[in-house]
């Protein structure tokens, strides 16, 4: 399974080629099956990011149709308390102003 497979967004934008390493790898890999899961998860600067699966041998069961027909819904969740995040942003701004 790979993350950061990029596609075009509704406006036709996608990340720069230098960020398309997984896309290039997927083209080059010789595999029994390759599946890119649909997603509407936008990328800063344009494009969408997807998960993709590579089956390297026969006999691996197919993914359920429900996995491949409905876009993945990404719900970000902070891993740290909100107050700590805000304090880090404030401190980092101070550091950046000194640079």
Protein backbone atom coordinates (compact mmCIF):
# COMPACT_ATOMS: atom_id res chain seq x y z
CA UNK A 1 0.00 0.00 0.00
CA UNK A 2 1.26 3.47 -0.87
CA UNK A 3 0.19 6.93 0.20
CA UNK A 4 0.73 10.12 -1.79
CA UNK A 5 -0.32 8.92 -5.22
CA UNK A 6 -1.38 12.21 -6.82
CA UNK A 7 -4.13 12.94 -9.30
CA UNK A 8 -5.60 16.02 -10.91
CA UNK A 9 -8.18 18.07 -9.02
CA UNK A 10 -11.47 19.33 -10.51
CA UNK A 11 -9.57 22.26 -12.10
CA UNK A 12 -7.00 19.96 -13.73
CA UNK A 13 -4.17 20.92 -11.36
CA UNK A 14 -1.73 18.44 -9.85
CA UNK A 15 1.54 18.60 -7.89
CA UNK A 16 4.85 19.21 -9.62
CA UNK A 17 6.66 16.21 -11.13
CA UNK A 18 9.24 16.29 -8.34
CA UNK A 19 6.48 15.23 -5.90
CA UNK A 20 5.11 12.44 -8.10
CA UNK A 21 7.48 9.68 -6.97
CA UNK A 22 4.73 7.20 -6.07
CA UNK A 23 3.04 7.83 -9.43
CA UNK A 24 6.30 7.04 -11.24
CA UNK A 25 6.84 3.95 -9.11
CA UNK A 26 3.34 2.69 -9.87
CA UNK A 27 4.05 2.96 -13.61
CA UNK A 28 7.33 1.05 -13.25
CA UNK A 29 6.25 -1.75 -10.88
CA UNK A 30 5.38 -5.02 -12.57
CA UNK A 31 2.54 -6.38 -10.47
CA UNK A 32 -0.44 -8.70 -10.68
CA UNK A 33 -2.79 -5.81 -9.92
CA UNK A 34 -2.64 -2.09 -9.14
CA UNK A 35 -5.56 -0.19 -7.64
CA UNK A 36 -5.79 3.53 -6.89
CA UNK A 37 -8.54 4.31 -4.39
CA UNK A 38 -10.71 7.30 -5.27
CA UNK A 39 -10.29 10.41 -3.13
CA UNK A 40 -11.27 14.06 -3.06
CA UNK A 41 -8.50 14.90 -0.57
CA UNK A 42 -7.03 18.13 -1.89
CA UNK A 43 -3.34 19.01 -1.94
CA UNK A 44 -1.93 22.48 -1.24
CA UNK A 45 -1.14 24.01 -4.62
CA UNK A 46 -3.54 21.75 -6.53
CA UNK A 47 -4.27 18.10 -7.10
CA UNK A 48 -5.62 15.25 -5.00
CA UNK A 49 -3.84 12.58 -2.99
CA UNK A 50 -4.82 8.92 -3.03
CA UNK A 51 -3.95 5.58 -1.48
CA UNK A 52 -2.98 2.79 -3.85
CA UNK A 53 -2.55 -0.95 -3.49
CA UNK A 54 -0.18 -3.24 -5.34
CA UNK A 55 -0.76 -7.01 -5.47
CA UNK A 56 2.51 -8.78 -6.17
CA UNK A 57 1.09 -12.29 -6.60
CA UNK A 58 -2.04 -14.08 -7.73
CA UNK A 59 -4.50 -15.33 -5.17
CA UNK A 60 -4.85 -12.11 -3.18
CA UNK A 61 -8.60 -11.43 -2.84
CA UNK A 62 -9.97 -8.45 -4.73
CA UNK A 63 -10.84 -5.38 -2.70
CA UNK A 64 -14.55 -4.98 -2.04
CA UNK A 65 -16.34 -2.81 -4.61
CA UNK A 66 -17.30 -0.41 -1.80
CA UNK A 67 -13.58 0.38 -1.32
CA UNK A 68 -12.99 1.27 -4.95
CA UNK A 69 -16.20 3.09 -5.87
CA UNK A 70 -16.59 5.67 -3.09
CA UNK A 71 -13.99 8.42 -2.45
CA UNK A 72 -12.05 8.19 0.79
CA UNK A 73 -13.16 10.80 3.32
CA UNK A 74 -10.25 12.29 5.25
CA UNK A 75 -11.06 13.68 8.68
CA UNK A 76 -7.93 15.28 10.15
CA UNK A 77 -7.49 15.05 13.89
CA UNK A 78 -4.85 16.86 15.91
CA UNK A 79 -2.56 14.57 17.85
CA UNK A 80 -1.75 17.23 20.44
CA UNK A 81 -4.00 19.43 22.61
CA UNK A 82 -5.17 22.62 20.88
CA UNK A 83 -3.46 24.87 23.46
CA UNK A 84 -0.10 23.16 22.83
CA UNK A 85 -0.46 23.60 19.08
CA UNK A 86 -1.27 27.31 19.45
CA UNK A 87 1.72 27.82 21.78
CA UNK A 88 4.02 26.06 19.27
CA UNK A 89 2.79 28.30 16.46
CA UNK A 90 3.40 31.43 18.57
CA UNK A 91 6.92 30.27 19.55
CA UNK A 92 7.79 29.27 15.98
CA UNK A 93 6.68 32.70 14.72
CA UNK A 94 9.09 34.31 17.18
CA UNK A 95 11.93 32.09 15.96
CA UNK A 96 11.11 32.81 12.30
CA UNK A 97 11.08 36.57 12.91
CA UNK A 98 14.63 36.36 14.25
CA UNK A 99 15.90 34.50 11.17
